[in-house]
C-alpha cells in the first residue's frame, strides 16, 4: 500500500504513542523492582542475577524470536507480547498484595517480561518499514532515540515519586494499564504483512537458517556488524565504570552522578530530535561513521581530563549522549531500508544477539583492567576504538556502499527454503 505523508504519519504515530506509553510503564516497573531488591536484599549478587534475567533472553533467544516474527502476524505478536507483560506483571502485583512475594518470583517475572519484550521489540522494529516511507525512516529512528532518552530522564524520578504515592503494587498496576492501552490501540490498527519471496511452505528451522545465510552472504552487512561488535565490546563497560569514575577520579557523590546521567539522557533527546528533523546525510552510513569518530573523540576527552575539569567532562559526556542516537538511528534506518521486509525480524534479531554477545565478555575483562590500570585508561581505549572503527568504515567499500549494493547483494542470497 502506498502511503501519503498524512496517512502514514497519522497511523504510525498513533501506534507509536501507545507503544511509548507501554514502554514508560515497563521502565517504571524496572526502576521499582531494582529499588525493591536493593532495599530488601542489599545484595550485589541479587541485582546481578536480576540484570541477567533481563539480558539472557535477548542474547540467547533473539534469533529464534526474530524467525518467529517473520513467520507470524506482527500485529498479533505485538498484542500477545503486551498481554504477556500485563499478565506477568498483574500476577506479581497480586503476590505483593498478598505478602507472598519472594525473590525468585521477581526473577521469573523479569525473565518472562524480557522474553515478551524481545518479541515486542522484534515485531515492532520489523513493522516500521511496512508503515513508514523509506525516506522517512531516519527521522522516525531519530524520534525513537529521543523517546528513549526522555524516558531515561523521567522514569527514575517518576518511579521514585510513584513508589511513595502508590507503593510497589501500585506501580505494577500502572504498567498493566499502559500495556492494556497499547493492546486496545492495536485492536483497531492494521499492520500489513510483507510479501514472501517464495510461496513454497517452509519450516521454522529452514527460515532460521535462511536468516543466517542472508547475513553471512552479505559481505557489507557482516563487516558492519564486525565494526559494531568491536565498539560494543569497549563501550559496554563504560556504563558500569561511570559511578567509579565519578567517585574516585572526580571525588564526586550521588548528586554528581545523577547530573552526569541526566545530561547524557538530555543529549540523547537532543540527538534524537536533531536526527528526526534533519534526517542525516543522503548516505545514512556516512552520518553513522562520522558520528562514531566524533563520539570516540568525546570519550577520549573524558578519559584524559584531570579531576578539577569536571565541567569539561560533563560537556564531553553530554556530547556522547547527543551523538549516540544519531549513530544508532542512522544505522537502524540504513538496515531497515535495505533488508528485505520479510527477513527483518530474524536478521535484526541475529544482529542484536551478535552485538550483545560481547557484552558479558567485556564486563569480565573491564573490571580487572580498571582495578589494575585505572578507569580512565578504559575510556581512552574505548574512545580510540570508536575513532578507529568510525574512520575504518570509510575505507571499506562494502560498508560505504551498503545502501547502493543492497538490492544486488540481497537478490544473490538464497532465502527460499532448501
Foldseek 3Di string as FASTA:
>chain_A
DDDDPVRLVVQVVLLVVLVLLLVLLVLLLVLLVLVVCCVPPVDPVLSVLLVCLLVVCLQPPQLLLLLVLLVDFLLVLLLVLLVQLLVLLLVQLVCVVVVNDDSVSSSVSSNSNNNSVSNNVLSVLLLVLQRDPLLQQLLVLLQVLLSVLVSLQPSNVVSVVCCVVPNSSRSSVSSSVSSVSSSVSSVVHHGDRADDPDPDDDDSVLLSVLLVLLQVLQVQNVVVLVLLLLLLLLVLQLVVCVVVCCCPFLVHDPVLVSLLSNLLSVLSNQLSNCCNVVVADPQLLLQQLVLLLLLLVLLLVLLPDHNVPVVSNSVSSSSNSNSVSSNVSSVSSLCSSQDRSSSSSSNVSVSSNSSCVSNVVSNVPQVVVCVVPNDSVSSNVSSVSSNVSSVVLVVDVSNSCCNVCRVVSSVPRDSDGD
